[in-house]
Protein backbone atom coordinates (compact mmCIF):
# COMPACT_ATOMS: atom_id res chain seq x y z
CA MET A 1 6.69 8.18 38.27
CA SER A 2 8.26 5.82 41.01
CA LEU A 3 7.60 2.73 38.85
CA LEU A 4 9.71 4.39 35.99
CA LEU A 5 12.26 5.43 38.51
CA LEU A 6 12.46 2.05 39.84
CA SER A 7 12.71 0.53 36.28
CA LEU A 8 15.42 2.77 35.37
CA ILE A 9 17.56 2.04 38.69
CA CYS A 10 17.04 -1.82 38.19
CA THR A 11 17.87 -1.68 34.46
CA PHE A 12 21.26 0.11 34.95
CA THR A 13 22.56 -1.62 38.07
CA LEU A 14 22.05 -4.92 36.38
CA PRO A 15 25.24 -7.32 36.34
CA SER A 16 25.17 -7.11 32.58
CA PHE A 17 26.11 -3.43 32.90
CA GLY A 18 29.23 -4.78 35.01
CA HIS A 19 27.81 -3.45 38.54
CA THR A 20 27.14 -5.35 41.67
CA VAL A 21 23.20 -5.90 41.90
CA MET A 22 21.29 -4.83 45.00
CA LYS A 23 20.75 -6.85 48.29
CA GLN A 24 17.70 -6.80 50.29
CA GLU A 25 18.42 -5.37 53.68
CA ARG A 26 15.79 -3.64 56.04
CA THR A 27 16.76 -0.65 57.85
CA ASP A 28 15.24 1.33 60.89
CA ASN A 29 16.92 4.77 59.83
CA LEU A 30 14.98 5.36 56.78
CA VAL A 31 14.18 9.07 56.00
CA SER A 32 10.70 10.43 56.88
CA LEU A 33 8.90 11.57 54.38
CA LEU A 34 5.80 12.76 56.36
CA ALA A 35 6.46 16.50 56.20
CA LEU A 36 8.27 19.34 54.01
CA GLY A 37 10.34 21.99 55.73
CA ALA A 38 13.07 19.95 56.96
CA GLY A 39 16.86 21.08 56.77
CA PRO A 40 19.03 21.11 54.04
CA LEU A 41 20.02 18.02 51.87
CA THR A 42 16.88 16.11 53.21
CA PHE A 43 14.89 13.64 50.88
CA LYS A 44 11.27 14.62 50.75
CA TRP A 45 8.56 14.37 48.20
CA ASP A 46 5.26 15.88 47.74
CA ASN A 47 1.99 15.32 45.70
CA CYS A 48 1.54 18.45 43.49
CA SER A 49 -1.92 17.35 41.91
CA SER A 50 -4.72 19.55 42.29
CA GLU A 51 -7.03 16.68 41.26
CA ARG A 52 -8.05 13.85 43.06
CA ASN A 53 -8.75 11.54 40.45
CA VAL A 54 -5.27 10.53 39.20
CA ALA A 55 -3.85 7.29 38.20
CA LEU A 56 -0.65 7.43 40.35
CA HIS A 57 -1.04 7.47 44.15
CA ILE A 58 2.18 7.32 46.10
CA ARG A 59 1.79 6.21 49.64
CA SER A 60 5.16 6.21 50.85
CA GLY A 61 8.73 6.23 49.82
CA SER A 62 12.23 6.79 50.96
CA ILE A 63 15.76 6.81 49.95
CA ALA A 64 18.50 6.61 52.11
CA PRO A 65 21.42 7.63 52.88
CA ASP A 66 20.94 11.36 52.72
CA PRO A 67 22.50 12.90 50.47
CA VAL A 68 22.78 10.26 48.00
CA PRO A 69 26.31 9.21 47.25
CA LEU A 70 27.50 8.79 43.59
CA PRO A 71 28.95 6.12 43.48
CA GLY A 72 27.38 4.58 46.33
CA THR A 73 24.82 2.31 47.78
CA ILE A 74 21.41 3.52 48.41
CA THR A 75 18.35 1.78 50.10
CA VAL A 76 14.93 2.53 48.35
CA SER A 77 11.50 1.70 49.19
CA VAL A 78 8.11 2.71 47.80
CA ASN A 79 4.45 1.80 48.25
CA LEU A 80 2.30 3.24 45.53
CA THR A 81 -1.09 2.58 43.81
CA LEU A 82 -2.10 2.69 40.00
CA THR A 83 -5.83 3.26 39.89
CA LYS A 84 -5.59 2.54 35.89
CA THR A 85 -3.23 1.02 33.58
CA LEU A 86 -0.54 3.27 32.20
CA LYS A 87 0.25 2.80 28.62
CA ALA A 88 2.07 4.68 26.05
CA PRO A 89 2.58 7.17 25.36
CA LEU A 90 3.13 8.39 28.86
CA LYS A 91 4.12 12.04 28.62
CA ALA A 92 5.83 14.16 30.98
CA ALA A 93 6.84 17.67 31.87
CA VAL A 94 9.81 17.71 34.02
CA THR A 95 11.10 20.52 35.82
CA LEU A 96 14.91 20.25 37.53
CA GLN A 97 16.36 22.60 39.61
CA LYS A 98 19.45 23.14 41.75
CA ARG A 99 19.71 25.10 44.87
CA VAL A 100 22.50 27.92 44.59
CA GLY A 101 22.64 30.23 47.52
CA ASN A 102 18.97 30.98 48.42
CA LYS A 103 17.76 30.38 45.07
CA ASN A 104 16.57 27.44 42.93
CA VAL A 105 18.43 27.83 39.44
CA THR A 106 16.57 25.71 36.64
CA ILE A 107 18.55 23.38 34.89
CA PRO A 108 17.87 23.38 30.92
CA CYS A 109 17.10 20.34 28.98
CA ILE A 110 20.42 19.35 27.30
CA ASP A 111 20.55 15.87 25.56
CA ASN A 112 17.25 15.13 26.90
CA ILE A 113 18.43 15.45 30.61
CA GLY A 114 17.16 18.35 32.50
CA SER A 115 13.83 20.30 32.55
CA CYS A 116 12.59 18.49 29.61
CA MET A 117 9.02 17.83 27.98
CA TYR A 118 8.97 13.98 27.05
CA ASP A 119 6.63 12.82 24.48
CA ASP A 120 6.72 9.03 25.94
CA LEU A 121 8.53 8.07 29.15
CA CYS A 122 8.07 4.45 27.98
CA GLU A 123 10.76 4.74 25.45
CA LEU A 124 13.33 5.68 28.02
CA ILE A 125 13.22 2.07 29.60
CA PRO A 126 15.46 -0.36 27.38
CA PRO A 127 13.57 -3.48 26.48
CA LEU A 128 14.12 -6.56 28.66
CA SER A 129 13.22 -10.01 28.44
CA MET A 130 12.03 -10.26 31.98
CA CYS A 131 12.04 -7.50 35.02
CA PRO A 132 15.10 -7.94 37.12
CA PRO A 133 14.89 -8.43 40.83
CA PRO A 134 13.70 -7.03 43.09
CA LEU A 135 10.94 -6.12 40.72
CA SER A 136 10.36 -9.54 39.55
CA THR A 137 10.20 -10.62 43.29
CA TYR A 138 7.56 -8.36 44.21
CA HIS A 139 5.61 -8.49 40.70
CA ILE A 140 6.29 -5.05 40.24
CA PRO A 141 5.98 -3.96 36.24
CA CYS A 142 9.20 -2.49 34.91
CA GLN A 143 8.13 -1.60 31.35
CA CYS A 144 4.69 0.01 29.66
CA PRO A 145 2.04 -0.49 30.20
CA PHE A 146 2.09 -0.33 34.01
CA ALA A 147 -0.93 -2.35 34.87
CA ALA A 148 -3.48 -1.08 37.67
CA GLY A 149 -2.83 -2.24 41.15
CA ASN A 150 -1.09 -1.84 44.39
CA TYR A 151 2.68 -2.15 44.59
CA TYR A 152 5.09 -2.34 47.46
CA LEU A 153 8.94 -2.53 47.40
CA PRO A 154 10.54 -3.24 50.85
CA PRO A 155 13.86 -1.58 51.68
CA TYR A 156 16.23 -2.86 48.89
CA GLU A 157 19.76 -1.77 48.29
CA PHE A 158 20.96 -0.70 45.05
CA ASP A 159 24.79 0.04 43.96
CA LEU A 160 25.25 3.33 42.04
CA PRO A 161 28.17 3.22 39.67
CA ASP A 162 30.74 5.77 39.14
CA PRO A 163 29.41 7.84 35.89
CA GLY A 164 32.86 8.34 35.16
CA GLY A 165 33.07 10.96 32.00
CA ASN A 166 29.14 10.80 31.64
CA VAL A 167 28.12 13.18 34.13
CA PRO A 168 26.52 16.36 32.70
CA SER A 169 28.66 19.49 33.40
CA TRP A 170 25.92 20.69 35.62
CA LEU A 171 25.78 17.59 37.93
CA VAL A 172 27.61 18.50 41.31
CA SER A 173 27.02 18.31 44.91
CA GLY A 174 24.15 19.72 46.32
CA GLU A 175 20.52 20.24 46.56
CA TYR A 176 18.12 19.47 43.53
CA HIS A 177 14.35 19.84 43.30
CA GLY A 178 12.58 17.92 40.56
CA LYS A 179 9.12 18.29 39.48
CA ALA A 180 7.07 15.73 37.01
CA VAL A 181 3.63 16.36 35.51
CA LEU A 182 2.30 12.97 33.99
CA THR A 183 -0.37 13.02 31.11
CA ASP A 184 -1.75 9.27 30.27
CA ALA A 185 -2.23 8.12 26.93
CA ASP A 186 -5.88 9.37 27.06
CA GLY A 187 -4.83 12.95 27.54
CA GLY A 188 -5.68 12.60 31.27
CA HIS A 189 -3.93 14.06 34.22
CA ALA A 190 -2.14 10.99 35.49
CA GLY A 191 -0.24 12.51 38.59
CA CYS A 192 2.02 15.33 39.68
CA TYR A 193 5.09 14.87 42.08
CA GLU A 194 7.99 16.99 43.21
CA VAL A 195 11.14 15.32 44.86
CA PHE A 196 13.70 17.44 46.89
CA LEU A 197 16.87 15.12 47.04
CA GLY A 198 20.55 15.99 48.22
CA LEU A 199 23.59 14.80 46.07
CA LYS A 200 27.04 14.11 47.01
CA LEU A 201 29.66 13.10 44.25
CA ASP A 202 32.83 11.52 45.32
């Protein structure tokens, strides 16, 4: 899932979309991802796969600042391994929830956003003649098929644009929980990951 997220982030922050591109910057105050159960609005992730032989293994990852500002600038880093090539169709069962009081409220699938079943995540990535930096710099694929291998993106800054009137009605500042279960083209379990993220809309 991280490769897909990186692809989408890079695609929609390209200069051709009228936004400033990211610049490389190492930082010492990255959010720790070693444990769950930290305070509110803390980014964290968890491997929810019950199987060991899965294609996607996220070794480490971070997003800062926390909560994520929209619009604003974020620093992203990820280290992952694909044990097999992931090709289309790459299916995903996505659950998205927002924290309301002491409960998690599931966000329904509206216009292909929210808690949705995707027949092929590869179709979400617009076609590109070449991968944008920093993906091209570090030889990280941005389109299907995602070749097996080890991939590392050091801390990079991405500018998140002002979405204007394109923000879904349910997207407000707060705490969010997302879960994605991936199924590869052969029908095998490719991975399961959960993400906990704080969001701040200006």
